C-alpha atoms as a PDB file:
ATOM      1  CA  MET A   1     -83.159  -5.488 -51.810  1.00  0.00           C
ATOM      2  CA  VAL A   2     -83.553  -8.734 -53.752  1.00  0.00           C
ATOM      3  CA  THR A   3     -84.315  -8.278 -57.482  1.00  0.00           C
ATOM      4  CA  SER A   4     -86.420 -10.787 -58.418  1.00  0.00           C
ATOM      5  CA  SER A   5     -88.866 -11.936 -61.107  1.00  0.00           C
ATOM      6  CA  PRO A   6     -92.656 -11.630 -60.440  1.00  0.00           C
ATOM      7  CA  GLY A   7     -93.099 -15.500 -60.808  1.00  0.00           C
ATOM      8  CA  ASN A   8     -90.512 -16.361 -58.645  1.00  0.00           C
ATOM      9  CA  HIS A   9     -92.763 -17.117 -55.567  1.00  0.00           C
ATOM     10  CA  ALA A  10     -90.607 -20.372 -54.195  1.00  0.00           C
ATOM     11  CA  GLN A  11     -87.431 -18.260 -54.460  1.00  0.00           C
ATOM     12  CA  ARG A  12     -88.534 -15.316 -52.290  1.00  0.00           C
ATOM     13  CA  ARG A  13     -90.450 -17.843 -49.857  1.00  0.00           C
ATOM     14  CA  ALA A  14     -87.132 -19.860 -49.632  1.00  0.00           C
ATOM     15  CA  ILE A  15     -85.367 -16.491 -48.644  1.00  0.00           C
ATOM     16  CA  ARG A  16     -87.779 -15.522 -46.008  1.00  0.00           C
ATOM     17  CA  GLN A  17     -87.772 -19.013 -44.216  1.00  0.00           C
ATOM     18  CA  THR A  18     -84.000 -19.238 -44.112  1.00  0.00           C
ATOM     19  CA  TRP A  19     -81.133 -16.627 -43.483  1.00  0.00           C
ATOM     20  CA  ALA A  20     -83.363 -13.787 -44.234  1.00  0.00           C
ATOM     21  CA  ASN A  21     -85.796 -14.366 -41.511  1.00  0.00           C
ATOM     22  CA  ASP A  22     -86.805 -11.222 -40.065  1.00  0.00           C
ATOM     23  CA  THR A  23     -87.352 -12.913 -36.831  1.00  0.00           C
ATOM     24  CA  SER A  24     -83.974 -14.289 -36.495  1.00  0.00           C
ATOM     25  CA  ILE A  25     -81.757 -11.577 -37.568  1.00  0.00           C
ATOM     26  CA  PRO A  26     -82.410  -8.318 -35.942  1.00  0.00           C
ATOM     27  CA  GLY A  27     -81.395  -5.125 -37.692  1.00  0.00           C
ATOM     28  CA  ILE A  28     -82.140  -6.032 -41.350  1.00  0.00           C
ATOM     29  CA  ARG A  29     -84.983  -5.459 -43.558  1.00  0.00           C
ATOM     30  CA  THR A  30     -85.426  -7.841 -46.714  1.00  0.00           C
ATOM     31  CA  LEU A  31     -87.427  -6.272 -49.521  1.00  0.00           C
ATOM     32  CA  PHE A  32     -88.050  -7.831 -53.004  1.00  0.00           C
ATOM     33  CA  ALA A  33     -88.023  -5.786 -56.194  1.00  0.00           C
ATOM     34  CA  VAL A  34     -89.918  -6.712 -59.212  1.00  0.00           C
ATOM     35  CA  GLY A  35     -91.257  -5.320 -62.805  1.00  0.00           C
ATOM     36  CA  THR A  36     -94.526  -5.909 -64.371  1.00  0.00           C
ATOM     37  CA  THR A  37     -95.995  -9.136 -65.726  1.00  0.00           C
ATOM     38  CA  ASP A  38     -98.719  -9.277 -68.703  1.00  0.00           C
ATOM     39  CA  LYS A  39     -99.946 -12.585 -67.013  1.00  0.00           C
ATOM     40  CA  ALA A  40    -102.842 -12.302 -64.774  1.00  0.00           C
ATOM     41  CA  THR A  41    -102.541 -15.309 -62.838  1.00  0.00           C
ATOM     42  CA  THR A  42     -99.001 -14.485 -61.834  1.00  0.00           C
ATOM     43  CA  GLN A  43     -99.937 -10.846 -61.022  1.00  0.00           C
ATOM     44  CA  ARG A  44    -102.728 -12.087 -58.784  1.00  0.00           C
ATOM     45  CA  GLY A  45    -100.327 -14.510 -57.009  1.00  0.00           C
ATOM     46  CA  LEU A  46     -97.643 -11.672 -56.379  1.00  0.00           C
ATOM     47  CA  ASP A  47    -100.574  -9.084 -55.014  1.00  0.00           C
ATOM     48  CA  HIS A  48    -101.665 -12.147 -52.590  1.00  0.00           C
ATOM     49  CA  GLU A  49     -97.904 -12.593 -51.916  1.00  0.00           C
ATOM     50  CA  SER A  50     -97.754  -8.831 -50.957  1.00  0.00           C
ATOM     51  CA  GLN A  51    -100.593  -8.702 -48.983  1.00  0.00           C
ATOM     52  CA  VAL A  52     -99.074 -11.583 -46.799  1.00  0.00           C
ATOM     53  CA  HIS A  53     -95.665 -10.511 -46.488  1.00  0.00           C
ATOM     54  CA  GLN A  54     -95.735  -6.990 -47.089  1.00  0.00           C
ATOM     55  CA  ASP A  55     -92.192  -6.759 -48.620  1.00  0.00           C
ATOM     56  CA  ILE A  56     -92.714  -6.637 -52.340  1.00  0.00           C
ATOM     57  CA  ILE A  57     -91.877  -3.212 -54.400  1.00  0.00           C
ATOM     58  CA  GLN A  58     -93.301  -3.456 -57.836  1.00  0.00           C
ATOM     59  CA  GLY A  59     -91.994  -1.228 -60.751  1.00  0.00           C
ATOM     60  CA  ASN A  60     -93.660   0.379 -63.658  1.00  0.00           C
ATOM     61  CA  PHE A  61     -91.757  -1.350 -66.115  1.00  0.00           C
ATOM     62  CA  ILE A  62     -91.939  -4.821 -67.997  1.00  0.00           C
ATOM     63  CA  ASP A  63     -90.003  -7.533 -66.047  1.00  0.00           C
ATOM     64  CA  SER A  64     -87.147  -8.366 -68.526  1.00  0.00           C
ATOM     65  CA  TYR A  65     -83.504  -9.079 -68.534  1.00  0.00           C
ATOM     66  CA  ARG A  66     -83.093  -5.919 -70.351  1.00  0.00           C
ATOM     67  CA  ASN A  67     -84.816  -3.888 -68.057  1.00  0.00           C
ATOM     68  CA  LEU A  68     -82.539  -4.833 -64.775  1.00  0.00           C
ATOM     69  CA  THR A  69     -81.018  -1.639 -65.115  1.00  0.00           C
ATOM     70  CA  LEU A  70     -84.645  -0.163 -64.247  1.00  0.00           C
ATOM     71  CA  LYS A  71     -84.878  -2.434 -61.285  1.00  0.00           C
ATOM     72  CA  THR A  72     -81.492  -1.581 -60.104  1.00  0.00           C
ATOM     73  CA  VAL A  73     -82.157   1.889 -60.158  1.00  0.00           C
ATOM     74  CA  MET A  74     -85.568   1.585 -58.618  1.00  0.00           C
ATOM     75  CA  CYS A  75     -84.061  -0.161 -55.880  1.00  0.00           C
ATOM     76  CA  LEU A  76     -81.474   2.821 -55.507  1.00  0.00           C
ATOM     77  CA  LYS A  77     -84.294   5.612 -55.330  1.00  0.00           C
ATOM     78  CA  TRP A  78     -86.505   3.531 -52.923  1.00  0.00           C
ATOM     79  CA  ALA A  79     -83.745   3.046 -50.373  1.00  0.00           C
ATOM     80  CA  SER A  80     -82.716   6.462 -50.719  1.00  0.00           C
ATOM     81  CA  GLU A  81     -86.399   7.677 -49.598  1.00  0.00           C
ATOM     82  CA  PHE A  82     -87.431   5.016 -47.225  1.00  0.00           C
ATOM     83  CA  CYS A  83     -84.053   3.610 -45.665  1.00  0.00           C
ATOM     84  CA  SER A  84     -82.315   6.699 -44.725  1.00  0.00           C
ATOM     85  CA  GLU A  85     -81.570   5.512 -41.470  1.00  0.00           C
ATOM     86  CA  THR A  86     -79.524   2.253 -42.299  1.00  0.00           C
ATOM     87  CA  LYS A  87     -75.920   2.420 -42.626  1.00  0.00           C
ATOM     88  CA  PHE A  88     -75.552   0.005 -45.500  1.00  0.00           C
ATOM     89  CA  PHE A  89     -77.687  -1.343 -48.633  1.00  0.00           C
ATOM     90  CA  MET A  90     -76.882  -4.760 -50.455  1.00  0.00           C
ATOM     91  CA  LYS A  91     -78.379  -5.709 -53.636  1.00  0.00           C
ATOM     92  CA  ALA A  92     -78.423  -9.217 -54.758  1.00  0.00           C
ATOM     93  CA  ASP A  93     -80.073 -11.163 -57.369  1.00  0.00           C
ATOM     94  CA  ASP A  94     -82.474 -14.057 -56.542  1.00  0.00           C
ATOM     95  CA  ASN A  95     -79.919 -16.705 -57.448  1.00  0.00           C
ATOM     96  CA  THR A  96     -77.491 -15.875 -54.614  1.00  0.00           C
ATOM     97  CA  PHE A  97     -77.033 -16.980 -51.161  1.00  0.00           C
ATOM     98  CA  VAL A  98     -75.653 -14.704 -48.852  1.00  0.00           C
ATOM     99  CA  ASN A  99     -73.657 -15.823 -45.451  1.00  0.00           C
ATOM    100  CA  ILE A 100     -75.673 -13.206 -43.418  1.00  0.00           C
ATOM    101  CA  PHE A 101     -73.666 -13.989 -40.187  1.00  0.00           C
ATOM    102  CA  THR A 102     -70.234 -13.507 -42.145  1.00  0.00           C
ATOM    103  CA  LEU A 103     -71.615 -10.388 -43.490  1.00  0.00           C
ATOM    104  CA  LEU A 104     -72.580  -8.837 -40.590  1.00  0.00           C
ATOM    105  CA  ARG A 105     -69.275  -9.516 -38.762  1.00  0.00           C
ATOM    106  CA  HIS A 106     -67.636  -7.867 -41.436  1.00  0.00           C
ATOM    107  CA  LEU A 107     -69.623  -4.914 -41.596  1.00  0.00           C
ATOM    108  CA  ARG A 108     -69.778  -4.347 -37.869  1.00  0.00           C
ATOM    109  CA  GLY A 109     -65.948  -4.605 -37.951  1.00  0.00           C
ATOM    110  CA  LEU A 110     -65.353  -1.669 -40.563  1.00  0.00           C
ATOM    111  CA  GLY A 111     -63.887   1.522 -39.229  1.00  0.00           C
ATOM    112  CA  SER A 112     -65.999   4.831 -39.633  1.00  0.00           C
ATOM    113  CA  ASN A 113     -64.172   5.849 -42.880  1.00  0.00           C
ATOM    114  CA  LYS A 114     -65.829   2.833 -44.685  1.00  0.00           C
ATOM    115  CA  THR A 115     -69.172   4.198 -43.958  1.00  0.00           C
ATOM    116  CA  GLU A 116     -69.181   6.622 -46.586  1.00  0.00           C
ATOM    117  CA  ARG A 117     -68.812   6.393 -50.669  1.00  0.00           C
ATOM    118  CA  PHE A 118     -67.968   2.794 -50.079  1.00  0.00           C
ATOM    119  CA  VAL A 119     -68.706  -0.373 -52.466  1.00  0.00           C
ATOM    120  CA  MET A 120     -67.817  -3.834 -51.456  1.00  0.00           C
ATOM    121  CA  GLY A 121     -68.334  -7.162 -53.832  1.00  0.00           C
ATOM    122  CA  TRP A 122     -66.501  -8.599 -56.320  1.00  0.00           C
ATOM    123  CA  ILE A 123     -65.072  -5.910 -58.410  1.00  0.00           C
ATOM    124  CA  TYR A 124     -63.965  -5.770 -61.940  1.00  0.00           C
ATOM    125  CA  ASN A 125     -61.421  -3.511 -62.601  1.00  0.00           C
ATOM    126  CA  THR A 126     -61.156  -1.187 -65.500  1.00  0.00           C
ATOM    127  CA  GLY A 127     -60.227  -2.973 -68.647  1.00  0.00           C
ATOM    128  CA  GLY A 128     -63.309  -5.385 -69.347  1.00  0.00           C
ATOM    129  CA  LYS A 129     -64.610  -4.927 -72.925  1.00  0.00           C
ATOM    130  CA  PRO A 130     -67.807  -4.808 -74.380  1.00  0.00           C
ATOM    131  CA  LYS A 131     -69.158  -7.698 -76.390  1.00  0.00           C
ATOM    132  CA  ARG A 132     -69.087  -6.312 -80.245  1.00  0.00           C
ATOM    133  CA  THR A 133     -70.831  -9.765 -81.630  1.00  0.00           C
ATOM    134  CA  PRO A 134     -74.122  -9.804 -82.800  1.00  0.00           C
ATOM    135  CA  GLY A 135     -76.719 -11.989 -80.882  1.00  0.00           C
ATOM    136  CA  ASN A 136     -74.401 -12.559 -78.236  1.00  0.00           C
ATOM    137  CA  LYS A 137     -76.470 -12.068 -74.944  1.00  0.00           C
ATOM    138  CA  TRP A 138     -74.335  -9.129 -73.852  1.00  0.00           C
ATOM    139  CA  TYR A 139     -73.768  -7.478 -77.337  1.00  0.00           C
ATOM    140  CA  LEU A 140     -73.152  -3.875 -77.283  1.00  0.00           C
ATOM    141  CA  SER A 141     -73.275  -2.044 -80.529  1.00  0.00           C
ATOM    142  CA  ARG A 142     -71.120   1.149 -80.750  1.00  0.00           C
ATOM    143  CA  GLN A 143     -74.258   3.165 -80.661  1.00  0.00           C
ATOM    144  CA  ASP A 144     -75.034   1.561 -77.525  1.00  0.00           C
ATOM    145  CA  TYR A 145     -71.572   2.042 -75.899  1.00  0.00           C
ATOM    146  CA  PRO A 146     -68.703   4.038 -77.967  1.00  0.00           C
ATOM    147  CA  ARG A 147     -65.942   3.078 -75.338  1.00  0.00           C
ATOM    148  CA  ASP A 148     -63.317   0.417 -75.750  1.00  0.00           C
ATOM    149  CA  THR A 149     -63.673  -0.502 -72.322  1.00  0.00           C
ATOM    150  CA  PHE A 150     -65.627  -0.629 -69.388  1.00  0.00           C
ATOM    151  CA  PRO A 151     -65.142   1.298 -66.021  1.00  0.00           C
ATOM    152  CA  LYS A 152     -64.542  -0.503 -62.725  1.00  0.00           C
ATOM    153  CA  TYR A 153     -67.845  -2.011 -61.363  1.00  0.00           C
ATOM    154  CA  PRO A 154     -69.160  -4.443 -58.655  1.00  0.00           C
ATOM    155  CA  CYS A 155     -70.342  -7.698 -60.196  1.00  0.00           C
ATOM    156  CA  GLY A 156     -74.074  -7.417 -60.088  1.00  0.00           C
ATOM    157  CA  PHE A 157     -75.283 -10.554 -58.394  1.00  0.00           C
ATOM    158  CA  ALA A 158     -74.383  -9.131 -54.939  1.00  0.00           C
ATOM    159  CA  TYR A 159     -72.761  -6.122 -53.755  1.00  0.00           C
ATOM    160  CA  ILE A 160     -72.856  -3.788 -50.754  1.00  0.00           C
ATOM    161  CA  LEU A 161     -73.134   0.205 -50.596  1.00  0.00           C
ATOM    162  CA  SER A 162     -72.512   2.617 -48.071  1.00  0.00           C
ATOM    163  CA  ASN A 163     -76.247   4.106 -47.740  1.00  0.00           C
ATOM    164  CA  ASP A 164     -75.082   7.309 -48.608  1.00  0.00           C
ATOM    165  CA  MET A 165     -74.426   6.378 -51.941  1.00  0.00           C
ATOM    166  CA  THR A 166     -78.061   5.321 -52.614  1.00  0.00           C
ATOM    167  CA  GLY A 167     -79.543   8.697 -53.397  1.00  0.00           C
ATOM    168  CA  LEU A 168     -76.232  10.203 -55.158  1.00  0.00           C
ATOM    169  CA  LEU A 169     -76.213   7.150 -57.636  1.00  0.00           C
ATOM    170  CA  TYR A 170     -79.830   7.391 -58.257  1.00  0.00           C
ATOM    171  CA  GLN A 171     -79.440  11.329 -59.191  1.00  0.00           C
ATOM    172  CA  VAL A 172     -76.359  10.505 -61.301  1.00  0.00           C
ATOM    173  CA  SER A 173     -78.090   7.764 -62.984  1.00  0.00           C
ATOM    174  CA  LEU A 174     -80.361  10.090 -64.277  1.00  0.00           C
ATOM    175  CA  THR A 175     -78.246  11.988 -66.304  1.00  0.00           C
ATOM    176  CA  LEU A 176     -76.535   8.893 -68.151  1.00  0.00           C
ATOM    177  CA  LYS A 177     -77.547   7.113 -71.222  1.00  0.00           C
ATOM    178  CA  TYR A 178     -79.512   3.934 -70.499  1.00  0.00           C
ATOM    179  CA  LEU A 179     -77.449   0.794 -70.782  1.00  0.00           C
ATOM    180  CA  PHE A 180     -79.020  -2.606 -69.998  1.00  0.00           C
ATOM    181  CA  LEU A 181     -75.866  -4.130 -68.536  1.00  0.00           C
ATOM    182  CA  GLU A 182     -76.797  -3.107 -65.116  1.00  0.00           C
ATOM    183  CA  ASP A 183     -73.722  -3.762 -63.094  1.00  0.00           C
ATOM    184  CA  VAL A 184     -71.783  -1.852 -65.934  1.00  0.00           C
ATOM    185  CA  PHE A 185     -74.354   0.744 -65.897  1.00  0.00           C
ATOM    186  CA  LEU A 186     -73.735   1.119 -61.967  1.00  0.00           C
ATOM    187  CA  GLY A 187     -70.027   1.297 -62.912  1.00  0.00           C
ATOM    188  CA  LEU A 188     -70.406   4.220 -64.744  1.00  0.00           C
ATOM    189  CA  CYS A 189     -72.606   5.960 -62.204  1.00  0.00           C
ATOM    190  CA  LEU A 190     -69.637   5.102 -59.558  1.00  0.00           C
ATOM    191  CA  GLU A 191     -67.336   6.626 -62.171  1.00  0.00           C
ATOM    192  CA  LYS A 192     -69.061   9.824 -62.613  1.00  0.00           C
ATOM    193  CA  LEU A 193     -69.856  10.341 -59.094  1.00  0.00           C
ATOM    194  CA  GLY A 194     -66.094  10.042 -58.276  1.00  0.00           C
ATOM    195  CA  GLY A 195     -64.391   9.859 -54.760  1.00  0.00           C
ATOM    196  CA  VAL A 196     -65.450   6.309 -54.167  1.00  0.00           C
ATOM    197  CA  THR A 197     -63.496   3.311 -51.932  1.00  0.00           C
ATOM    198  CA  PHE A 198     -63.994   0.314 -53.963  1.00  0.00           C
ATOM    199  CA  ALA A 199     -63.259  -2.738 -51.724  1.00  0.00           C
ATOM    200  CA  HIS A 200     -62.743  -5.933 -53.408  1.00  0.00           C
ATOM    201  CA  ASP A 201     -63.751  -9.260 -51.632  1.00  0.00           C
ATOM    202  CA  GLU A 202     -63.142 -12.597 -52.776  1.00  0.00           C
ATOM    203  CA  ARG A 203     -65.642 -13.830 -50.508  1.00  0.00           C
ATOM    204  CA  PHE A 204     -68.206 -12.943 -53.061  1.00  0.00           C
ATOM    205  CA  LYS A 205     -68.111 -15.689 -55.318  1.00  0.00           C
ATOM    206  CA  LEU A 206     -69.534 -16.458 -58.668  1.00  0.00           C
ATOM    207  CA  TRP A 207     -71.148 -20.009 -58.653  1.00  0.00           C
ATOM    208  CA  MET A 208     -68.156 -21.238 -61.061  1.00  0.00           C
ATOM    209  CA  GLN A 209     -65.556 -20.172 -58.746  1.00  0.00           C
ATOM    210  CA  VAL A 210     -66.711 -21.867 -55.775  1.00  0.00           C
ATOM    211  CA  PRO A 211     -64.467 -25.106 -55.002  1.00  0.00           C
ATOM    212  CA  SER A 212     -66.145 -27.852 -53.255  1.00  0.00           C
ATOM    213  CA  SER A 213     -63.644 -27.513 -50.124  1.00  0.00           C
ATOM    214  CA  THR A 214     -64.862 -24.009 -49.732  1.00  0.00           C
ATOM    215  CA  SER A 215     -66.061 -23.423 -46.051  1.00  0.00           C
ATOM    216  CA  ALA A 216     -69.007 -21.487 -45.129  1.00  0.00           C
ATOM    217  CA  ALA A 217     -66.904 -18.975 -43.153  1.00  0.00           C
ATOM    218  CA  ASP A 218     -64.861 -18.325 -46.452  1.00  0.00           C
ATOM    219  CA  THR A 219     -68.132 -17.059 -48.211  1.00  0.00           C
ATOM    220  CA  VAL A 220     -69.964 -14.000 -47.869  1.00  0.00           C
ATOM    221  CA  ALA A 221     -72.321 -14.325 -51.174  1.00  0.00           C
ATOM    222  CA  THR A 222     -72.291 -17.229 -53.710  1.00  0.00           C
ATOM    223  CA  SER A 223     -74.279 -16.806 -57.102  1.00  0.00           C
ATOM    224  CA  ALA A 224     -75.701 -20.224 -58.578  1.00  0.00           C
ATOM    225  CA  ALA A 225     -76.086 -21.364 -62.131  1.00  0.00           C
ATOM    226  CA  ASP A 226     -78.736 -19.716 -64.328  1.00  0.00           C
ATOM    227  CA  THR A 227     -80.209 -23.121 -64.747  1.00  0.00           C
ATOM    228  CA  VAL A 228     -80.964 -23.612 -61.320  1.00  0.00           C
ATOM    229  CA  ALA A 229     -84.707 -22.972 -61.230  1.00  0.00           C
ATOM    230  CA  THR A 230     -86.456 -24.756 -58.331  1.00  0.00           C
ATOM    231  CA  VAL A 231     -86.641 -24.688 -54.625  1.00  0.00           C
ATOM    232  CA  ALA A 232     -87.727 -27.206 -52.426  1.00  0.00           C
ATOM    233  CA  THR A 233     -91.081 -26.494 -50.643  1.00  0.00           C
ATOM    234  CA  SER A 234     -89.249 -27.020 -47.211  1.00  0.00           C
ATOM    235  CA  ALA A 235     -86.970 -24.060 -48.212  1.00  0.00           C
ATOM    236  CA  THR A 236     -83.877 -26.231 -47.707  1.00  0.00           C
ATOM    237  CA  VAL A 237     -80.779 -24.639 -49.353  1.00  0.00           C
ATOM    238  CA  ALA A 238     -78.459 -27.466 -50.514  1.00  0.00           C
ATOM    239  CA  THR A 239     -75.243 -28.142 -52.231  1.00  0.00           C
ATOM    240  CA  SER A 240     -73.000 -30.913 -51.448  1.00  0.00           C
ATOM    241  CA  ALA A 241     -74.690 -30.577 -47.788  1.00  0.00           C
ATOM    242  CA  THR A 242     -78.133 -29.743 -46.480  1.00  0.00           C
ATOM    243  CA  VAL A 243     -78.174 -26.045 -45.292  1.00  0.00           C
ATOM    244  CA  ALA A 244     -80.174 -25.897 -41.809  1.00  0.00           C
ATOM    245  CA  THR A 245     -83.111 -23.247 -41.569  1.00  0.00           C
ATOM    246  CA  SER A 246     -80.928 -21.354 -39.008  1.00  0.00           C
ATOM    247  CA  ALA A 247     -79.143 -20.110 -42.146  1.00  0.00           C
ATOM    248  CA  THR A 248     -76.047 -21.944 -42.201  1.00  0.00           C
ATOM    249  CA  VAL A 249     -74.449 -21.287 -45.464  1.00  0.00           C
ATOM    250  CA  ALA A 250     -73.820 -24.656 -47.963  1.00  0.00           C
ATOM    251  CA  THR A 251     -70.068 -24.729 -49.230  1.00  0.00           C
ATOM    252  CA  SER A 252     -70.412 -26.407 -52.759  1.00  0.00           C
ATOM    253  CA  ALA A 253     -70.947 -24.678 -56.110  1.00  0.00           C
ATOM    254  CA  THR A 254     -73.415 -27.391 -57.088  1.00  0.00           C
ATOM    255  CA  VAL A 255     -77.008 -26.935 -56.173  1.00  0.00           C
ATOM    256  CA  THR A 256     -79.363 -29.973 -56.354  1.00  0.00           C
ATOM    257  CA  ALA A 257     -82.471 -29.655 -58.435  1.00  0.00           C
ATOM    258  CA  VAL A 258     -84.703 -30.115 -55.398  1.00  0.00           C
ATOM    259  CA  ALA A 259     -83.217 -27.658 -53.302  1.00  0.00           C
ATOM    260  CA  THR A 260     -82.008 -24.374 -54.954  1.00  0.00           C
ATOM    261  CA  VAL A 261     -79.867 -21.782 -53.632  1.00  0.00           C
ATOM    262  CA  ALA A 262     -82.209 -18.643 -53.239  1.00  0.00           C
ATOM    263  CA  VAL A 263     -81.295 -14.927 -52.708  1.00  0.00           C
ATOM    264  CA  ALA A 264     -81.711 -12.067 -50.930  1.00  0.00           C
ATOM    265  CA  ALA A 265     -80.528  -8.572 -50.409  1.00  0.00           C
ATOM    266  CA  VAL A 266     -80.584  -6.479 -47.418  1.00  0.00           C
ATOM    267  CA  ALA A 267     -80.451  -3.125 -46.274  1.00  0.00           C
ATOM    268  CA  VAL A 268     -78.421  -3.592 -43.433  1.00  0.00           C
ATOM    269  CA  ALA A 269     -79.479  -1.261 -40.200  1.00  0.00           C
ATOM    270  CA  THR A 270     -77.845  -0.536 -37.054  1.00  0.00           C
ATOM    271  CA  VAL A 271     -78.859  -3.287 -34.524  1.00  0.00           C
ATOM    272  CA  ALA A 272     -82.306  -2.239 -33.879  1.00  0.00           C
ATOM    273  CA  THR A 273     -85.489  -4.003 -34.619  1.00  0.00           C
ATOM    274  CA  VAL A 274     -87.382  -2.780 -37.660  1.00  0.00           C
ATOM    275  CA  ALA A 275     -90.800  -1.470 -37.173  1.00  0.00           C
ATOM    276  CA  ALA A 276     -93.161  -1.439 -39.721  1.00  0.00           C
ATOM    277  CA  VAL A 277     -94.979   1.760 -41.131  1.00  0.00           C
ATOM    278  CA  ALA A 278     -98.541   2.110 -42.491  1.00  0.00           C
ATOM    279  CA  VAL A 279     -99.217  -0.115 -45.446  1.00  0.00           C
ATOM    280  CA  PRO A 280    -100.896   1.792 -48.520  1.00  0.00           C
ATOM    281  CA  THR A 281    -103.395   0.170 -50.720  1.00  0.00           C
ATOM    282  CA  VAL A 282    -102.228  -1.352 -53.932  1.00  0.00           C
ATOM    283  CA  ALA A 283    -101.493   0.905 -56.475  1.00  0.00           C
ATOM    284  CA  THR A 284    -101.854   0.230 -60.016  1.00  0.00           C
ATOM    285  CA  VAL A 285     -98.644  -0.288 -62.159  1.00  0.00           C
ATOM    286  CA  ALA A 286     -98.264   0.808 -65.669  1.00  0.00           C
ATOM    287  CA  ALA A 287     -95.820  -0.704 -67.923  1.00  0.00           C
ATOM    288  CA  VAL A 288     -93.342   1.951 -69.739  1.00  0.00           C
ATOM    289  CA  ALA A 289     -90.973   1.392 -72.683  1.00  0.00           C
ATOM    290  CA  VAL A 290     -87.030   1.314 -72.015  1.00  0.00           C
ATOM    291  CA  PRO A 291     -85.799   4.745 -72.338  1.00  0.00           C
ATOM    292  CA  THR A 292     -83.241   5.531 -75.147  1.00  0.00           C
ATOM    293  CA  VAL A 293     -81.287   8.274 -73.417  1.00  0.00           C
ATOM    294  CA  ALA A 294     -81.670   8.231 -69.875  1.00  0.00           C
ATOM    295  CA  VAL A 295     -83.343   6.431 -66.874  1.00  0.00           C
ATOM    296  CA  PRO A 296     -86.773   8.331 -66.079  1.00  0.00           C
ATOM    297  CA  ALA A 297     -87.155  10.466 -62.933  1.00  0.00           C
ATOM    298  CA  VAL A 298     -90.398   8.263 -62.143  1.00  0.00           C
ATOM    299  CA  LEU A 299     -89.511   4.332 -62.024  1.00  0.00           C
ATOM    300  CA  PHE A 300     -91.953   2.890 -59.872  1.00  0.00           C
ATOM    301  CA  THR A 301     -95.129   2.538 -57.695  1.00  0.00           C
ATOM    302  CA  ILE A 302     -94.641   0.960 -54.140  1.00  0.00           C
ATOM    303  CA  MET A 303     -97.437  -1.963 -53.964  1.00  0.00           C
ATOM    304  CA  TRP A 304     -96.916  -2.267 -50.055  1.00  0.00           C
ATOM    305  CA  ARG A 305     -94.190  -0.202 -48.034  1.00  0.00           C
ATOM    306  CA  ARG A 306     -92.477  -0.762 -44.785  1.00  0.00           C
ATOM    307  CA  GLY A 307     -89.587   1.166 -43.442  1.00  0.00           C
ATOM    308  CA  CYS A 308     -86.174  -0.029 -43.372  1.00  0.00           C
ATOM    309  CA  SER A 309     -85.450   1.094 -39.757  1.00  0.00           C
ATOM    310  CA  THR A 310     -87.263   3.193 -36.848  1.00  0.00           C
END
């Protein structure tokens, strides 16, 4: 599942036209998760996009940085309810490019012991410290987060969960105090759940960590810089080299302004073609305030719904 923003139409278009193209990659369903917007023109555009592609889930919370945890929990809840037959769930931000072919080869090669309570990505081990300086983007007061260190957690730009985890993590999330750092919050959920196997994989690369000599085969997912914001209408993704629409992955960390790296996250199913289910009418989404204690049980309204597997 791709966490996106309502106005990021170009990024989603690039994703659909490249490696996340459902017609070229069997066994995968790609969905986009967004919050609400107070801009009527943006919402109308999102409604039209949803009618055309039927792949958008919209939550009943304001789409903002401090609500990213709500968006992630929404993804877990949705996947647990509508993608129960898939083997793996992937979440990624929409400034990340995923080498889907390397990823699928890796997942298909995992043993049966890696299909339960399994997390893969760029794993930060226990010991990271919260920012205590007011004004910092990631500032956490003692009241917000009294502990001195963070638990082990996967970096939020892209990670894989065995699909048995989605429902378990959603239920655990309802018992924890809200934290706007969504990947740290996921780590707290994983810590409380217990019995989880973490697999650190250095092929999940932050944009600043990717040398220009890195080959496509060495990368599973690459996060782009926050300043990159535009996508070429042809949906060509480029860094130091142009990426073909067949979804060959570019290898450098620098992304040209005319052809931005886009992201997608996927729930990886068995090698079976995904079938569509009935599409409900568009539901009205109401905005809710950020909770101060725990994540609310009712998080989202499905704008359009399609199953992840037959």
